[in-house]
Amino acid sequence: MEAAAFTRALLWLFVLNIGVAFGAGLYEGRITFANWLTRAPDGALHWDAGAAQRDNTGLRFWVWVTTVPLTLLTFANLIAAWQAAGHLRVWWLAAVAAALAERLFTFAYFIPTIVGLMKAADSWDAVATARRWAMLNHVRHVLTLTAWLAALKALTLLSAR
């Protein structure tokens, strides 16, 4: 495979993977998470670690979509973007920077927190942690969307060449 075709394929894979991650993240935050943090008839919130364990989205889905592939694609695209020039380089590096920020946030906060929550009993602390996790997840969605849109722009610039 020639270098230009490999570069194009690398960016395409990045765009596709981060797009899937964005959609899946929205789904998890809106649909799946609602099974983990539930509201009782009296309005009180309750953390259901059993539901989170049964879903186990980290091992059943995320490890295969983002933990390994998106992380590797982000670093591979960093190398490729660094070698690009002009506006393509700017947009591509912006995409990689947003993806790197999301990856760091995920490894530093989201993974350890959800692992801890999956072991936590229903308590005020568990509910507070789960609510904070859900609120900060919106920041992660913004980072992922930013990376995706910037990568799409880079892809259009690369395709125009």
Protein backbone atom coordinates (compact mmCIF):
# COMPACT_ATOMS: atom_id res chain seq x y z
CA MET A 1 0.00 0.00 0.00
CA GLU A 2 1.41 3.36 -0.95
CA ALA A 3 1.92 6.02 1.72
CA ALA A 4 -0.92 8.28 0.54
CA ALA A 5 -3.42 5.41 0.53
CA PHE A 6 -2.28 4.31 3.99
CA THR A 7 -2.64 7.87 5.32
CA ARG A 8 -6.13 8.18 3.83
CA ALA A 9 -7.14 4.80 5.32
CA LEU A 10 -5.77 5.81 8.71
CA LEU A 11 -7.81 9.02 8.74
CA TRP A 12 -10.92 7.18 7.49
CA LEU A 13 -10.60 4.62 10.29
CA PHE A 14 -10.18 7.43 12.81
CA VAL A 15 -13.30 9.22 11.52
CA LEU A 16 -15.37 6.03 11.52
CA ASN A 17 -14.21 4.88 14.94
CA ILE A 18 -14.69 8.20 16.66
CA GLY A 19 -18.12 8.56 15.03
CA VAL A 20 -19.17 5.19 16.42
CA ALA A 21 -17.74 6.16 19.81
CA PHE A 22 -19.74 9.39 19.79
CA GLY A 23 -23.02 7.69 18.94
CA ALA A 24 -22.44 4.87 21.40
CA GLY A 25 -21.50 7.33 24.12
CA LEU A 26 -24.76 9.21 23.62
CA TYR A 27 -26.68 5.94 23.71
CA GLU A 28 -24.98 4.78 26.89
CA GLY A 29 -25.48 8.13 28.59
CA ARG A 30 -29.14 8.42 27.60
CA ILE A 31 -30.38 4.81 27.61
CA THR A 32 -28.07 2.43 29.45
CA PHE A 33 -27.10 4.72 32.32
CA ALA A 34 -30.80 5.12 33.18
CA ASN A 35 -30.77 1.46 34.29
CA TRP A 36 -27.87 2.09 36.65
CA LEU A 37 -29.09 5.23 38.39
CA THR A 38 -32.80 4.84 39.02
CA ARG A 39 -35.43 7.00 40.66
CA ALA A 40 -37.71 5.46 43.28
CA PRO A 41 -41.42 6.39 43.45
CA ASP A 42 -40.58 8.81 46.28
CA GLY A 43 -38.12 10.61 43.96
CA ALA A 44 -34.95 9.35 45.64
CA LEU A 45 -32.11 8.27 43.37
CA HIS A 46 -30.54 4.83 43.82
CA TRP A 47 -27.35 3.35 42.41
CA ASP A 48 -27.80 -0.18 41.01
CA ALA A 49 -24.34 -1.69 40.76
CA GLY A 50 -25.89 -5.01 39.74
CA ALA A 51 -27.40 -3.44 36.61
CA ALA A 52 -24.06 -1.83 35.74
CA GLN A 53 -22.32 -5.18 36.27
CA ARG A 54 -24.86 -7.03 34.11
CA ASP A 55 -24.47 -4.51 31.29
CA ASN A 56 -20.69 -4.34 31.77
CA THR A 57 -20.38 -2.03 28.78
CA GLY A 58 -16.69 -1.52 29.48
CA LEU A 59 -15.76 -5.12 28.74
CA ARG A 60 -18.61 -5.96 26.39
CA PHE A 61 -18.28 -2.92 24.14
CA TRP A 62 -15.92 -0.07 24.99
CA VAL A 63 -12.70 -2.07 25.19
CA TRP A 64 -13.29 -3.26 21.61
CA VAL A 65 -14.37 0.11 20.21
CA THR A 66 -12.41 2.79 22.03
CA THR A 67 -10.13 1.58 24.80
CA VAL A 68 -7.84 -0.22 22.39
CA PRO A 69 -8.74 0.79 18.79
CA LEU A 70 -9.46 4.49 19.28
CA THR A 71 -6.44 4.93 21.49
CA LEU A 72 -4.16 3.28 18.91
CA LEU A 73 -5.79 5.18 16.05
CA THR A 74 -5.38 8.46 17.92
CA PHE A 75 -1.64 7.94 18.32
CA ALA A 76 -1.23 6.70 14.74
CA ASN A 77 -3.13 9.75 13.48
CA LEU A 78 -0.97 12.02 15.62
CA ILE A 79 2.07 10.77 13.73
CA ALA A 80 0.35 11.12 10.35
CA ALA A 81 -1.09 14.56 11.15
CA TRP A 82 2.26 15.83 12.32
CA GLN A 83 3.67 15.07 8.86
CA ALA A 84 0.81 16.81 7.03
CA ALA A 85 0.95 20.44 5.92
CA GLY A 86 -1.25 23.51 5.80
CA HIS A 87 -4.90 23.54 6.80
CA LEU A 88 -5.01 19.74 6.69
CA ARG A 89 -2.39 19.60 9.43
CA VAL A 90 -4.23 22.15 11.58
CA TRP A 91 -7.60 20.36 11.39
CA TRP A 92 -6.07 16.92 11.77
CA LEU A 93 -4.02 17.94 14.80
CA ALA A 94 -7.10 19.61 16.30
CA ALA A 95 -8.98 16.32 15.90
CA VAL A 96 -6.15 14.37 17.47
CA ALA A 97 -5.81 16.88 20.33
CA ALA A 98 -9.52 16.60 21.19
CA ALA A 99 -9.34 12.80 20.95
CA LEU A 100 -6.24 12.73 23.15
CA ALA A 101 -7.96 14.91 25.74
CA GLU A 102 -10.96 12.55 25.68
CA ARG A 103 -8.69 9.49 25.97
CA LEU A 104 -6.80 11.00 28.93
CA PHE A 105 -10.06 11.96 30.65
CA THR A 106 -11.38 8.45 30.05
CA PHE A 107 -8.33 6.66 31.44
CA ALA A 108 -7.77 9.07 34.34
CA TYR A 109 -11.37 9.46 35.52
CA PHE A 110 -14.11 7.54 33.71
CA ILE A 111 -12.72 4.01 33.74
CA PRO A 112 -11.52 4.03 37.38
CA THR A 113 -14.74 5.69 38.54
CA ILE A 114 -17.11 3.26 36.83
CA VAL A 115 -15.04 0.30 38.01
CA GLY A 116 -15.41 1.62 41.56
CA LEU A 117 -19.12 2.25 41.09
CA MET A 118 -19.65 -1.30 39.85
CA LYS A 119 -18.44 -2.48 43.26
CA ALA A 120 -20.32 0.15 45.28
CA ALA A 121 -23.41 -0.44 47.37
CA ASP A 122 -26.38 1.87 46.96
CA SER A 123 -25.57 4.92 49.07
CA TRP A 124 -25.65 8.68 48.97
CA ASP A 125 -21.94 8.66 48.00
CA ALA A 126 -22.50 6.18 45.16
CA VAL A 127 -25.42 8.25 43.83
CA ALA A 128 -23.36 11.46 44.04
CA THR A 129 -20.43 9.81 42.24
CA ALA A 130 -22.72 8.40 39.54
CA ARG A 131 -24.36 11.79 39.00
CA ARG A 132 -20.94 13.47 38.72
CA TRP A 133 -19.82 10.73 36.28
CA ALA A 134 -22.93 11.36 34.16
CA MET A 135 -22.48 15.15 34.20
CA LEU A 136 -18.80 14.95 33.28
CA ASN A 137 -19.74 12.51 30.53
CA HIS A 138 -21.24 15.51 28.70
CA VAL A 139 -17.74 17.04 28.59
CA ARG A 140 -16.46 13.80 27.12
CA HIS A 141 -19.22 13.90 24.48
CA VAL A 142 -18.19 17.44 23.52
CA LEU A 143 -14.55 16.36 23.19
CA THR A 144 -15.54 13.36 21.07
CA LEU A 145 -17.83 15.45 18.86
CA THR A 146 -15.10 18.08 18.44
CA ALA A 147 -12.59 15.40 17.45
CA TRP A 148 -15.07 13.83 15.03
CA LEU A 149 -15.99 17.09 13.31
CA ALA A 150 -12.36 18.20 13.03
CA ALA A 151 -11.39 14.77 11.65
CA LEU A 152 -14.22 15.00 9.11
CA LYS A 153 -12.91 18.42 8.03
CA ALA A 154 -9.39 16.98 7.75
CA LEU A 155 -10.77 14.12 5.67
CA THR A 156 -12.47 16.53 3.25
CA LEU A 157 -9.23 18.49 2.94
CA LEU A 158 -7.25 15.29 2.34
CA SER A 159 -9.79 14.10 -0.24
CA ALA A 160 -9.62 17.45 -2.07
CA ARG A 161 -5.91 16.93 -2.72
